[in-house]
Amino acid sequence: RFPVVIGCEILYEDRNHEMLLDVLNERLLPGGVAWFGDGGRVRAERFINLARAAGYTLTLRDELGNELSAPRAGQYQLIELQRPA
């Protein structure tokens, strides 16, 4: 198990979202953080909703590290997930 998981360009297919959450649940320590770089794919919003429903706390950031109020398409975003303790 790991305190931090980092990924990039892994949210582009819906069929992988549940599997990715399964991996996080198995490999991310309780209270751990995952950072996923996303190029602004429209599929990322589905993953974000699934992660929130699974109890993860999410923060979205732009390319400068500023917090975003909502997912955005067509522009880079960093998706920070914190696993429940």
PDB file of N, CA and C in Angstrom:
ATOM      1  N   ARG A   1       0.851  -1.186   0.000  1.00  0.00           N
ATOM      2  CA  ARG A   1       0.000   0.000   0.000  1.00  0.00           C
ATOM      3  C   ARG A   1       0.885   1.233   0.000  1.00  0.00           C
ATOM      4  N   PHE A   2       0.375   2.294  -0.607  1.00  0.00           N
ATOM      5  CA  PHE A   2       1.166   3.498  -0.821  1.00  0.00           C
ATOM      6  C   PHE A   2       0.444   4.737  -0.291  1.00  0.00           C
ATOM      7  N   PRO A   3       1.190   5.732   0.208  1.00  0.00           N
ATOM      8  CA  PRO A   3       0.580   6.968   0.673  1.00  0.00           C
ATOM      9  C   PRO A   3       0.236   7.911  -0.481  1.00  0.00           C
ATOM     10  N   VAL A   4       0.911   7.726  -1.635  1.00  0.00           N
ATOM     11  CA  VAL A   4       0.693   8.598  -2.788  1.00  0.00           C
ATOM     12  C   VAL A   4       0.671   7.745  -4.055  1.00  0.00           C
ATOM     13  N   VAL A   5      -0.272   8.053  -4.941  1.00  0.00           N
ATOM     14  CA  VAL A   5      -0.350   7.434  -6.266  1.00  0.00           C
ATOM     15  C   VAL A   5      -0.428   8.577  -7.274  1.00  0.00           C
ATOM     16  N   ILE A   6       0.362   8.474  -8.341  1.00  0.00           N
ATOM     17  CA  ILE A   6       0.389   9.506  -9.377  1.00  0.00           C
ATOM     18  C   ILE A   6       0.094   8.865 -10.723  1.00  0.00           C
ATOM     19  N   GLY A   7      -0.755   9.515 -11.518  1.00  0.00           N
ATOM     20  CA  GLY A   7      -1.075   9.010 -12.847  1.00  0.00           C
ATOM     21  C   GLY A   7      -1.344  10.150 -13.812  1.00  0.00           C
ATOM     22  N   CYS A   8      -1.281   9.831 -15.083  1.00  0.00           N
ATOM     23  CA  CYS A   8      -1.532  10.837 -16.114  1.00  0.00           C
ATOM     24  C   CYS A   8      -2.122  10.152 -17.344  1.00  0.00           C
ATOM     25  N   GLU A   9      -3.086  10.822 -17.966  1.00  0.00           N
ATOM     26  CA  GLU A   9      -3.715  10.307 -19.184  1.00  0.00           C
ATOM     27  C   GLU A   9      -4.293   8.908 -18.991  1.00  0.00           C
ATOM     28  N   ILE A  10      -5.032   8.723 -17.905  1.00  0.00           N
ATOM     29  CA  ILE A  10      -5.613   7.406 -17.634  1.00  0.00           C
ATOM     30  C   ILE A  10      -7.143   7.433 -17.523  1.00  0.00           C
ATOM     31  N   LEU A  11      -7.751   8.575 -17.789  1.00  0.00           N
ATOM     32  CA  LEU A  11      -9.200   8.700 -17.605  1.00  0.00           C
ATOM     33  C   LEU A  11      -9.969   8.772 -18.919  1.00  0.00           C
ATOM     34  N   TYR A  12      -9.328   8.428 -20.024  1.00  0.00           N
ATOM     35  CA  TYR A  12      -9.962   8.665 -21.321  1.00  0.00           C
ATOM     36  C   TYR A  12     -10.968   7.608 -21.739  1.00  0.00           C
ATOM     37  N   GLU A  13     -11.072   6.486 -21.015  1.00  0.00           N
ATOM     38  CA  GLU A  13     -12.077   5.481 -21.349  1.00  0.00           C
ATOM     39  C   GLU A  13     -12.929   5.175 -20.127  1.00  0.00           C
ATOM     40  N   ASP A  14     -14.234   5.321 -20.274  1.00  0.00           N
ATOM     41  CA  ASP A  14     -15.169   5.073 -19.174  1.00  0.00           C
ATOM     42  C   ASP A  14     -14.992   3.688 -18.573  1.00  0.00           C
ATOM     43  N   ARG A  15     -14.707   2.701 -19.412  1.00  0.00           N
ATOM     44  CA  ARG A  15     -14.632   1.317 -18.939  1.00  0.00           C
ATOM     45  C   ARG A  15     -13.515   1.095 -17.917  1.00  0.00           C
ATOM     46  N   ASN A  16     -12.563   2.029 -17.830  1.00  0.00           N
ATOM     47  CA  ASN A  16     -11.456   1.891 -16.890  1.00  0.00           C
ATOM     48  C   ASN A  16     -11.702   2.579 -15.543  1.00  0.00           C
ATOM     49  N   HIS A  17     -12.741   3.380 -15.437  1.00  0.00           N
ATOM     50  CA  HIS A  17     -12.953   4.191 -14.237  1.00  0.00           C
ATOM     51  C   HIS A  17     -13.182   3.344 -12.986  1.00  0.00           C
ATOM     52  N   GLU A  18     -14.079   2.377 -13.064  1.00  0.00           N
ATOM     53  CA  GLU A  18     -14.351   1.536 -11.894  1.00  0.00           C
ATOM     54  C   GLU A  18     -13.111   0.724 -11.518  1.00  0.00           C
ATOM     55  N   MET A  19     -12.402   0.239 -12.529  1.00  0.00           N
ATOM     56  CA  MET A  19     -11.189  -0.533 -12.273  1.00  0.00           C
ATOM     57  C   MET A  19     -10.133   0.334 -11.583  1.00  0.00           C
ATOM     58  N   LEU A  20     -10.005   1.571 -12.005  1.00  0.00           N
ATOM     59  CA  LEU A  20      -9.055   2.485 -11.379  1.00  0.00           C
ATOM     60  C   LEU A  20      -9.419   2.731  -9.916  1.00  0.00           C
ATOM     61  N   LEU A  21     -10.690   2.919  -9.635  1.00  0.00           N
ATOM     62  CA  LEU A  21     -11.120   3.086  -8.243  1.00  0.00           C
ATOM     63  C   LEU A  21     -10.856   1.828  -7.428  1.00  0.00           C
ATOM     64  N   ASP A  22     -11.027   0.657  -8.041  1.00  0.00           N
ATOM     65  CA  ASP A  22     -10.706  -0.592  -7.348  1.00  0.00           C
ATOM     66  C   ASP A  22      -9.223  -0.642  -6.987  1.00  0.00           C
ATOM     67  N   VAL A  23      -8.368  -0.229  -7.913  1.00  0.00           N
ATOM     68  CA  VAL A  23      -6.929  -0.215  -7.653  1.00  0.00           C
ATOM     69  C   VAL A  23      -6.619   0.757  -6.514  1.00  0.00           C
ATOM     70  N   LEU A  24      -7.225   1.936  -6.536  1.00  0.00           N
ATOM     71  CA  LEU A  24      -6.994   2.902  -5.460  1.00  0.00           C
ATOM     72  C   LEU A  24      -7.447   2.344  -4.113  1.00  0.00           C
ATOM     73  N   ASN A  25      -8.592   1.691  -4.103  1.00  0.00           N
ATOM     74  CA  ASN A  25      -9.100   1.122  -2.851  1.00  0.00           C
ATOM     75  C   ASN A  25      -8.183   0.027  -2.318  1.00  0.00           C
ATOM     76  N   GLU A  26      -7.526  -0.687  -3.206  1.00  0.00           N
ATOM     77  CA  GLU A  26      -6.625  -1.771  -2.798  1.00  0.00           C
ATOM     78  C   GLU A  26      -5.222  -1.280  -2.450  1.00  0.00           C
ATOM     79  N   ARG A  27      -4.729  -0.253  -3.150  1.00  0.00           N
ATOM     80  CA  ARG A  27      -3.322   0.109  -3.047  1.00  0.00           C
ATOM     81  C   ARG A  27      -3.039   1.442  -2.365  1.00  0.00           C
ATOM     82  N   LEU A  28      -4.036   2.315  -2.252  1.00  0.00           N
ATOM     83  CA  LEU A  28      -3.832   3.612  -1.609  1.00  0.00           C
ATOM     84  C   LEU A  28      -4.166   3.494  -0.130  1.00  0.00           C
ATOM     85  N   LEU A  29      -3.235   3.905   0.714  1.00  0.00           N
ATOM     86  CA  LEU A  29      -3.464   3.854   2.153  1.00  0.00           C
ATOM     87  C   LEU A  29      -4.662   4.719   2.546  1.00  0.00           C
ATOM     88  N   PRO A  30      -5.396   4.345   3.587  1.00  0.00           N
ATOM     89  CA  PRO A  30      -6.441   5.237   4.092  1.00  0.00           C
ATOM     90  C   PRO A  30      -5.827   6.612   4.411  1.00  0.00           C
ATOM     91  N   GLY A  31      -6.481   7.654   3.950  1.00  0.00           N
ATOM     92  CA  GLY A  31      -5.964   9.006   4.108  1.00  0.00           C
ATOM     93  C   GLY A  31      -4.945   9.383   3.048  1.00  0.00           C
ATOM     94  N   GLY A  32      -4.573   8.429   2.177  1.00  0.00           N
ATOM     95  CA  GLY A  32      -3.594   8.692   1.119  1.00  0.00           C
ATOM     96  C   GLY A  32      -4.149   9.582   0.025  1.00  0.00           C
ATOM     97  N   VAL A  33      -3.249  10.066  -0.825  1.00  0.00           N
ATOM     98  CA  VAL A  33      -3.611  11.016  -1.874  1.00  0.00           C
ATOM     99  C   VAL A  33      -3.214  10.464  -3.240  1.00  0.00           C
ATOM    100  N   ALA A  34      -4.067  10.675  -4.220  1.00  0.00           N
ATOM    101  CA  ALA A  34      -3.756  10.343  -5.610  1.00  0.00           C
ATOM    102  C   ALA A  34      -3.858  11.616  -6.432  1.00  0.00           C
ATOM    103  N   TRP A  35      -2.903  11.802  -7.332  1.00  0.00           N
ATOM    104  CA  TRP A  35      -2.915  12.945  -8.252  1.00  0.00           C
ATOM    105  C   TRP A  35      -2.966  12.416  -9.671  1.00  0.00           C
ATOM    106  N   PHE A  36      -3.961  12.864 -10.415  1.00  0.00           N
ATOM    107  CA  PHE A  36      -4.105  12.462 -11.812  1.00  0.00           C
ATOM    108  C   PHE A  36      -4.109  13.694 -12.701  1.00  0.00           C
ATOM    109  N   GLY A  37      -3.117  13.764 -13.571  1.00  0.00           N
ATOM    110  CA  GLY A  37      -3.090  14.820 -14.571  1.00  0.00           C
ATOM    111  C   GLY A  37      -4.046  14.455 -15.687  1.00  0.00           C
ATOM    112  N   ASP A  38      -4.835  15.414 -16.120  1.00  0.00           N
ATOM    113  CA  ASP A  38      -5.829  15.174 -17.157  1.00  0.00           C
ATOM    114  C   ASP A  38      -5.798  16.319 -18.154  1.00  0.00           C
ATOM    115  N   GLY A  39      -5.798  15.982 -19.417  1.00  0.00           N
ATOM    116  CA  GLY A  39      -5.745  16.985 -20.477  1.00  0.00           C
ATOM    117  C   GLY A  39      -7.073  17.667 -20.763  1.00  0.00           C
ATOM    118  N   GLY A  40      -8.040  17.490 -19.898  1.00  0.00           N
ATOM    119  CA  GLY A  40      -9.342  18.127 -20.096  1.00  0.00           C
ATOM    120  C   GLY A  40     -10.302  17.255 -20.879  1.00  0.00           C
ATOM    121  N   ARG A  41     -10.178  15.971 -20.708  1.00  0.00           N
ATOM    122  CA  ARG A  41     -11.071  15.045 -21.402  1.00  0.00           C
ATOM    123  C   ARG A  41     -12.468  15.112 -20.783  1.00  0.00           C
ATOM    124  N   VAL A  42     -13.483  15.015 -21.628  1.00  0.00           N
ATOM    125  CA  VAL A  42     -14.859  15.082 -21.126  1.00  0.00           C
ATOM    126  C   VAL A  42     -15.193  13.871 -20.261  1.00  0.00           C
ATOM    127  N   ARG A  43     -14.472  12.774 -20.412  1.00  0.00           N
ATOM    128  CA  ARG A  43     -14.707  11.562 -19.628  1.00  0.00           C
ATOM    129  C   ARG A  43     -14.261  11.718 -18.172  1.00  0.00           C
ATOM    130  N   ALA A  44     -13.414  12.667 -17.879  1.00  0.00           N
ATOM    131  CA  ALA A  44     -12.912  12.850 -16.522  1.00  0.00           C
ATOM    132  C   ALA A  44     -14.042  13.169 -15.545  1.00  0.00           C
ATOM    133  N   GLU A  45     -15.049  13.879 -15.988  1.00  0.00           N
ATOM    134  CA  GLU A  45     -16.146  14.240 -15.083  1.00  0.00           C
ATOM    135  C   GLU A  45     -16.864  12.994 -14.559  1.00  0.00           C
ATOM    136  N   ARG A  46     -17.008  11.984 -15.388  1.00  0.00           N
ATOM    137  CA  ARG A  46     -17.630  10.734 -14.941  1.00  0.00           C
ATOM    138  C   ARG A  46     -16.800  10.105 -13.815  1.00  0.00           C
ATOM    139  N   PHE A  47     -15.486  10.040 -14.002  1.00  0.00           N
ATOM    140  CA  PHE A  47     -14.617   9.489 -12.974  1.00  0.00           C
ATOM    141  C   PHE A  47     -14.703  10.302 -11.687  1.00  0.00           C
ATOM    142  N   ILE A  48     -14.718  11.601 -11.808  1.00  0.00           N
ATOM    143  CA  ILE A  48     -14.820  12.482 -10.641  1.00  0.00           C
ATOM    144  C   ILE A  48     -16.093  12.179  -9.854  1.00  0.00           C
ATOM    145  N   ASN A  49     -17.197  12.027 -10.550  1.00  0.00           N
ATOM    146  CA  ASN A  49     -18.468  11.721  -9.884  1.00  0.00           C
ATOM    147  C   ASN A  49     -18.428  10.358  -9.200  1.00  0.00           C
ATOM    148  N   LEU A  50     -17.828   9.362  -9.851  1.00  0.00           N
ATOM    149  CA  LEU A  50     -17.702   8.033  -9.248  1.00  0.00           C
ATOM    150  C   LEU A  50     -16.829   8.085  -7.987  1.00  0.00           C
ATOM    151  N   ALA A  51     -15.727   8.819  -8.056  1.00  0.00           N
ATOM    152  CA  ALA A  51     -14.819   8.919  -6.907  1.00  0.00           C
ATOM    153  C   ALA A  51     -15.504   9.603  -5.731  1.00  0.00           C
ATOM    154  N   ARG A  52     -16.242  10.657  -6.001  1.00  0.00           N
ATOM    155  CA  ARG A  52     -16.979  11.335  -4.919  1.00  0.00           C
ATOM    156  C   ARG A  52     -17.999  10.394  -4.298  1.00  0.00           C
ATOM    157  N   ALA A  53     -18.709   9.644  -5.139  1.00  0.00           N
ATOM    158  CA  ALA A  53     -19.712   8.704  -4.638  1.00  0.00           C
ATOM    159  C   ALA A  53     -19.062   7.599  -3.797  1.00  0.00           C
ATOM    160  N   ALA A  54     -17.797   7.287  -4.086  1.00  0.00           N
ATOM    161  CA  ALA A  54     -17.066   6.265  -3.335  1.00  0.00           C
ATOM    162  C   ALA A  54     -16.465   6.820  -2.046  1.00  0.00           C
ATOM    163  N   GLY A  55     -16.675   8.112  -1.769  1.00  0.00           N
ATOM    164  CA  GLY A  55     -16.218   8.704  -0.519  1.00  0.00           C
ATOM    165  C   GLY A  55     -14.903   9.462  -0.591  1.00  0.00           C
ATOM    166  N   TYR A  56     -14.329   9.561  -1.778  1.00  0.00           N
ATOM    167  CA  TYR A  56     -13.085  10.311  -1.924  1.00  0.00           C
ATOM    168  C   TYR A  56     -13.364  11.813  -1.872  1.00  0.00           C
ATOM    169  N   THR A  57     -12.451  12.558  -1.259  1.00  0.00           N
ATOM    170  CA  THR A  57     -12.490  14.015  -1.281  1.00  0.00           C
ATOM    171  C   THR A  57     -11.702  14.460  -2.496  1.00  0.00           C
ATOM    172  N   LEU A  58     -12.264  15.364  -3.277  1.00  0.00           N
ATOM    173  CA  LEU A  58     -11.608  15.798  -4.501  1.00  0.00           C
ATOM    174  C   LEU A  58     -11.330  17.286  -4.501  1.00  0.00           C
ATOM    175  N   THR A  59     -10.195  17.631  -5.080  1.00  0.00           N
ATOM    176  CA  THR A  59      -9.850  19.013  -5.375  1.00  0.00           C
ATOM    177  C   THR A  59      -9.369  19.042  -6.813  1.00  0.00           C
ATOM    178  N   LEU A  60      -9.864  19.985  -7.576  1.00  0.00           N
ATOM    179  CA  LEU A  60      -9.439  20.169  -8.963  1.00  0.00           C
ATOM    180  C   LEU A  60      -8.573  21.417  -9.045  1.00  0.00           C
ATOM    181  N   ARG A  61      -7.490  21.329  -9.816  1.00  0.00           N
ATOM    182  CA  ARG A  61      -6.579  22.471  -9.965  1.00  0.00           C
ATOM    183  C   ARG A  61      -6.257  22.697 -11.427  1.00  0.00           C
ATOM    184  N   ASP A  62      -6.000  23.957 -11.762  1.00  0.00           N
ATOM    185  CA  ASP A  62      -5.586  24.293 -13.123  1.00  0.00           C
ATOM    186  C   ASP A  62      -4.075  24.131 -13.254  1.00  0.00           C
ATOM    187  N   GLU A  63      -3.550  24.522 -14.407  1.00  0.00           N
ATOM    188  CA  GLU A  63      -2.122  24.343 -14.689  1.00  0.00           C
ATOM    189  C   GLU A  63      -1.216  25.190 -13.792  1.00  0.00           C
ATOM    190  N   LEU A  64      -1.767  26.176 -13.104  1.00  0.00           N
ATOM    191  CA  LEU A  64      -0.987  27.015 -12.184  1.00  0.00           C
ATOM    192  C   LEU A  64      -1.169  26.595 -10.724  1.00  0.00           C
ATOM    193  N   GLY A  65      -1.991  25.579 -10.503  1.00  0.00           N
ATOM    194  CA  GLY A  65      -2.236  25.110  -9.140  1.00  0.00           C
ATOM    195  C   GLY A  65      -3.415  25.769  -8.461  1.00  0.00           C
ATOM    196  N   ASN A  66      -4.110  26.655  -9.191  1.00  0.00           N
ATOM    197  CA  ASN A  66      -5.287  27.318  -8.620  1.00  0.00           C
ATOM    198  C   ASN A  66      -6.458  26.342  -8.574  1.00  0.00           C
ATOM    199  N   GLU A  67      -7.238  26.421  -7.515  1.00  0.00           N
ATOM    200  CA  GLU A  67      -8.374  25.528  -7.364  1.00  0.00           C
ATOM    201  C   GLU A  67      -9.473  25.877  -8.364  1.00  0.00           C
ATOM    202  N   LEU A  68     -10.057  24.836  -8.950  1.00  0.00           N
ATOM    203  CA  LEU A  68     -11.170  24.989  -9.886  1.00  0.00           C
ATOM    204  C   LEU A  68     -12.469  24.639  -9.168  1.00  0.00           C
ATOM    205  N   SER A  69     -13.553  25.281  -9.556  1.00  0.00           N
ATOM    206  CA  SER A  69     -14.840  25.005  -8.923  1.00  0.00           C
ATOM    207  C   SER A  69     -15.554  23.817  -9.571  1.00  0.00           C
ATOM    208  N   ALA A  70     -15.142  23.450 -10.784  1.00  0.00           N
ATOM    209  CA  ALA A  70     -15.793  22.353 -11.508  1.00  0.00           C
ATOM    210  C   ALA A  70     -14.813  21.787 -12.533  1.00  0.00           C
ATOM    211  N   PRO A  71     -15.033  20.548 -12.959  1.00  0.00           N
ATOM    212  CA  PRO A  71     -14.179  19.985 -14.008  1.00  0.00           C
ATOM    213  C   PRO A  71     -14.307  20.811 -15.284  1.00  0.00           C
ATOM    214  N   ARG A  72     -13.259  20.787 -16.076  1.00  0.00           N
ATOM    215  CA  ARG A  72     -13.324  21.537 -17.337  1.00  0.00           C
ATOM    216  C   ARG A  72     -12.842  20.649 -18.470  1.00  0.00           C
ATOM    217  N   ALA A  73     -13.412  20.862 -19.618  1.00  0.00           N
ATOM    218  CA  ALA A  73     -13.053  20.094 -20.808  1.00  0.00           C
ATOM    219  C   ALA A  73     -12.159  20.940 -21.701  1.00  0.00           C
ATOM    220  N   GLY A  74     -11.200  20.281 -22.321  1.00  0.00           N
ATOM    221  CA  GLY A  74     -10.356  20.964 -23.288  1.00  0.00           C
ATOM    222  C   GLY A  74      -9.162  21.689 -22.700  1.00  0.00           C
ATOM    223  N   GLN A  75      -9.022  21.689 -21.379  1.00  0.00           N
ATOM    224  CA  GLN A  75      -7.901  22.355 -20.722  1.00  0.00           C
ATOM    225  C   GLN A  75      -7.371  21.449 -19.623  1.00  0.00           C
ATOM    226  N   TYR A  76      -6.066  21.554 -19.384  1.00  0.00           N
ATOM    227  CA  TYR A  76      -5.435  20.737 -18.356  1.00  0.00           C
ATOM    228  C   TYR A  76      -6.101  20.960 -16.996  1.00  0.00           C
ATOM    229  N   GLN A  77      -6.179  19.867 -16.240  1.00  0.00           N
ATOM    230  CA  GLN A  77      -6.616  19.942 -14.854  1.00  0.00           C
ATOM    231  C   GLN A  77      -5.907  18.844 -14.068  1.00  0.00           C
ATOM    232  N   LEU A  78      -5.620  19.137 -12.826  1.00  0.00           N
ATOM    233  CA  LEU A  78      -5.065  18.152 -11.909  1.00  0.00           C
ATOM    234  C   LEU A  78      -6.184  17.716 -10.989  1.00  0.00           C
ATOM    235  N   ILE A  79      -6.398  16.426 -10.915  1.00  0.00           N
ATOM    236  CA  ILE A  79      -7.444  15.867 -10.056  1.00  0.00           C
ATOM    237  C   ILE A  79      -6.745  15.280  -8.835  1.00  0.00           C
ATOM    238  N   GLU A  80      -7.002  15.874  -7.680  1.00  0.00           N
ATOM    239  CA  GLU A  80      -6.451  15.389  -6.423  1.00  0.00           C
ATOM    240  C   GLU A  80      -7.537  14.630  -5.680  1.00  0.00           C
ATOM    241  N   LEU A  81      -7.244  13.396  -5.325  1.00  0.00           N
ATOM    242  CA  LEU A  81      -8.195  12.591  -4.580  1.00  0.00           C
ATOM    243  C   LEU A  81      -7.581  12.208  -3.247  1.00  0.00           C
ATOM    244  N   GLN A  82      -8.358  12.300  -2.191  1.00  0.00           N
ATOM    245  CA  GLN A  82      -7.903  11.813  -0.895  1.00  0.00           C
ATOM    246  C   GLN A  82      -8.834  10.698  -0.468  1.00  0.00           C
ATOM    247  N   ARG A  83      -8.230   9.557  -0.174  1.00  0.00           N
ATOM    248  CA  ARG A  83      -9.001   8.404   0.263  1.00  0.00           C
ATOM    249  C   ARG A  83      -9.487   8.626   1.690  1.00  0.00           C
ATOM    250  N   PRO A  84     -10.706   8.193   1.987  1.00  0.00           N
ATOM    251  CA  PRO A  84     -11.192   8.321   3.357  1.00  0.00           C
ATOM    252  C   PRO A  84     -10.260   7.591   4.331  1.00  0.00           C
ATOM    253  N   ALA A  85     -10.094   8.162   5.506  1.00  0.00           N
ATOM    254  CA  ALA A  85      -9.210   7.555   6.526  1.00  0.00           C
ATOM    255  C   ALA A  85      -9.825   6.289   7.101  1.00  0.00           C
TER     256      ALA A  85
END
